[in-house]
């Protein structure tokens, strides 16, 4: 059984920016493959929400955050999400070498208000 999937505005922006980067620096075919890898990942997470690694960040806003890598050749990109019994909420999609706690928190307050 699958749970519902929601994608935050920040995650949508992450996807758009990464798509554009691949389209401009590689090819549109690679950019489309990136989106397909994201879709396959979210489909897997919808079927098994606990599949991702539970992350331990100090910021209370990031409590219960999980991450899961996109499929090859995009495995350096991580999907950050929170899971409940009925839904997964995709919070960010970003390269794993970023300053993750800072990047995950930035822009959160504007979404909460």
Foldseek 3Di string as FASTA:
>chain_A
DFAAEAEDPQAVVQLVVVLVCCCVPPNNVVSVVVVVLVVVVVVVCRVPVVPFAQDDDPDPVCHQKGWAAGDPPRRQWIFIWHDDPHYIYGQHIGGVVDPPVVVSPPPPVVVVD
